[in-house]
Amino acid sequence: MIETIYTCDRCQKPGSIGTEYREMEVSVKKIGPHCKHNAGKKLWCIGCVHHCGIFDPYEVKKEHPVPVPTFESLVREIVQEEIGG
């Protein structure tokens, strides 16, 4: 079996392609004739993408479940409302 190891162009972290790395491309465009500069494509790990604050549209966002209050905490809240009010 052949396994290809990729390296992040920013932090040099090795790993496999797919979920761990993103291909980044930056280009600068200026108004005027022949004024486009392309910095080329770079391979960045997810850590570097997050560090730079870049939005990753392919990342699956995890929903944070709302904590369910316990029976004991509900009873305490009712008792405190009755005593205080």
C-alpha atoms as a PDB file:
ATOM      1  CA  MET A   1       0.000   0.000   0.000  1.00  0.00           C
ATOM      2  CA  ILE A   2       1.289   3.445  -0.904  1.00  0.00           C
ATOM      3  CA  GLU A   3       0.549   6.318   1.457  1.00  0.00           C
ATOM      4  CA  THR A   4       1.288   9.914   0.520  1.00  0.00           C
ATOM      5  CA  ILE A   5       2.249  12.253   3.349  1.00  0.00           C
ATOM      6  CA  TYR A   6       1.543  15.943   2.836  1.00  0.00           C
ATOM      7  CA  THR A   7       3.137  18.852   4.715  1.00  0.00           C
ATOM      8  CA  CYS A   8       1.502  22.159   5.655  1.00  0.00           C
ATOM      9  CA  ASP A   9       3.196  24.996   3.749  1.00  0.00           C
ATOM     10  CA  ARG A  10       2.763  27.301   6.752  1.00  0.00           C
ATOM     11  CA  CYS A  11       3.745  25.249   9.842  1.00  0.00           C
ATOM     12  CA  GLN A  12       5.358  22.175   8.202  1.00  0.00           C
ATOM     13  CA  LYS A  13       3.012  19.736  10.031  1.00  0.00           C
ATOM     14  CA  PRO A  14       2.863  16.359   8.197  1.00  0.00           C
ATOM     15  CA  GLY A  15      -0.413  14.484   7.626  1.00  0.00           C
ATOM     16  CA  SER A  16      -2.841  13.019   5.107  1.00  0.00           C
ATOM     17  CA  ILE A  17      -4.975  14.970   2.660  1.00  0.00           C
ATOM     18  CA  GLY A  18      -8.737  15.313   2.969  1.00  0.00           C
ATOM     19  CA  THR A  19     -10.083  16.250   6.358  1.00  0.00           C
ATOM     20  CA  GLU A  20      -6.789  17.612   7.730  1.00  0.00           C
ATOM     21  CA  TYR A  21      -5.651  19.965   4.937  1.00  0.00           C
ATOM     22  CA  ARG A  22      -7.080  22.691   2.713  1.00  0.00           C
ATOM     23  CA  GLU A  23      -5.712  24.103  -0.526  1.00  0.00           C
ATOM     24  CA  MET A  24      -5.420  27.877  -0.097  1.00  0.00           C
ATOM     25  CA  GLU A  25      -5.099  30.351  -2.952  1.00  0.00           C
ATOM     26  CA  VAL A  26      -4.610  34.088  -2.609  1.00  0.00           C
ATOM     27  CA  SER A  27      -4.799  36.541  -5.474  1.00  0.00           C
ATOM     28  CA  VAL A  28      -4.641  40.318  -5.520  1.00  0.00           C
ATOM     29  CA  LYS A  29      -6.476  42.234  -8.189  1.00  0.00           C
ATOM     30  CA  LYS A  30      -5.958  45.923  -8.841  1.00  0.00           C
ATOM     31  CA  ILE A  31      -8.044  48.076 -11.144  1.00  0.00           C
ATOM     32  CA  GLY A  32      -6.158  48.646 -14.361  1.00  0.00           C
ATOM     33  CA  PRO A  33      -4.690  46.650 -17.221  1.00  0.00           C
ATOM     34  CA  HIS A  34      -2.509  43.650 -16.414  1.00  0.00           C
ATOM     35  CA  CYS A  35      -2.555  44.228 -12.656  1.00  0.00           C
ATOM     36  CA  LYS A  36      -3.365  40.790 -11.285  1.00  0.00           C
ATOM     37  CA  HIS A  37      -0.990  38.960  -8.983  1.00  0.00           C
ATOM     38  CA  ASN A  38      -1.568  35.344  -8.027  1.00  0.00           C
ATOM     39  CA  ALA A  39       0.407  34.064  -5.051  1.00  0.00           C
ATOM     40  CA  GLY A  40      -0.170  30.442  -6.078  1.00  0.00           C
ATOM     41  CA  LYS A  41      -1.778  27.561  -4.269  1.00  0.00           C
ATOM     42  CA  LYS A  42      -0.604  26.500  -0.835  1.00  0.00           C
ATOM     43  CA  LEU A  43      -1.552  23.519   1.298  1.00  0.00           C
ATOM     44  CA  TRP A  44      -2.503  24.490   4.871  1.00  0.00           C
ATOM     45  CA  CYS A  45      -3.520  22.322   7.807  1.00  0.00           C
ATOM     46  CA  ILE A  46      -6.803  22.990   9.599  1.00  0.00           C
ATOM     47  CA  GLY A  47      -4.914  24.444  12.579  1.00  0.00           C
ATOM     48  CA  CYS A  48      -3.353  27.161  10.414  1.00  0.00           C
ATOM     49  CA  VAL A  49      -6.689  27.904   8.725  1.00  0.00           C
ATOM     50  CA  HIS A  50      -8.337  28.404  12.141  1.00  0.00           C
ATOM     51  CA  HIS A  51      -5.358  30.390  13.470  1.00  0.00           C
ATOM     52  CA  CYS A  52      -5.727  32.936  10.663  1.00  0.00           C
ATOM     53  CA  GLY A  53      -9.487  33.233  11.255  1.00  0.00           C
ATOM     54  CA  ILE A  54     -10.431  31.981   7.810  1.00  0.00           C
ATOM     55  CA  PHE A  55     -13.934  30.546   7.427  1.00  0.00           C
ATOM     56  CA  ASP A  56     -13.855  26.923   6.288  1.00  0.00           C
ATOM     57  CA  PRO A  57     -17.047  26.118   4.334  1.00  0.00           C
ATOM     58  CA  TYR A  58     -16.270  22.392   4.319  1.00  0.00           C
ATOM     59  CA  GLU A  59     -15.996  22.029   8.071  1.00  0.00           C
ATOM     60  CA  VAL A  60     -18.960  20.329   9.708  1.00  0.00           C
ATOM     61  CA  LYS A  61     -20.289  22.490  12.485  1.00  0.00           C
ATOM     62  CA  LYS A  62     -21.261  20.621  15.629  1.00  0.00           C
ATOM     63  CA  GLU A  63     -24.458  21.678  17.334  1.00  0.00           C
ATOM     64  CA  HIS A  64     -24.062  22.259  21.054  1.00  0.00           C
ATOM     65  CA  PRO A  65     -27.001  20.616  22.834  1.00  0.00           C
ATOM     66  CA  VAL A  66     -28.927  22.729  25.287  1.00  0.00           C
ATOM     67  CA  PRO A  67     -28.410  21.318  28.783  1.00  0.00           C
ATOM     68  CA  VAL A  68     -31.591  19.874  30.278  1.00  0.00           C
ATOM     69  CA  PRO A  69     -32.227  21.126  33.824  1.00  0.00           C
ATOM     70  CA  THR A  70     -32.425  18.461  36.494  1.00  0.00           C
ATOM     71  CA  PHE A  71     -35.549  17.878  38.558  1.00  0.00           C
ATOM     72  CA  GLU A  72     -33.720  19.055  41.662  1.00  0.00           C
ATOM     73  CA  SER A  73     -32.717  22.376  40.055  1.00  0.00           C
ATOM     74  CA  LEU A  74     -36.319  22.985  38.925  1.00  0.00           C
ATOM     75  CA  VAL A  75     -37.641  22.354  42.452  1.00  0.00           C
ATOM     76  CA  ARG A  76     -35.009  24.702  43.930  1.00  0.00           C
ATOM     77  CA  GLU A  77     -35.953  27.431  41.454  1.00  0.00           C
ATOM     78  CA  ILE A  78     -39.664  27.111  42.312  1.00  0.00           C
ATOM     79  CA  VAL A  79     -38.962  27.186  46.055  1.00  0.00           C
ATOM     80  CA  GLN A  80     -36.708  30.260  45.712  1.00  0.00           C
ATOM     81  CA  GLU A  81     -39.395  32.074  43.681  1.00  0.00           C
ATOM     82  CA  GLU A  82     -42.045  31.305  46.307  1.00  0.00           C
ATOM     83  CA  ILE A  83     -39.853  32.339  49.244  1.00  0.00           C
ATOM     84  CA  GLY A  84     -38.459  35.436  47.552  1.00  0.00           C
ATOM     85  CA  GLY A  85     -41.720  36.603  45.950  1.00  0.00           C
END
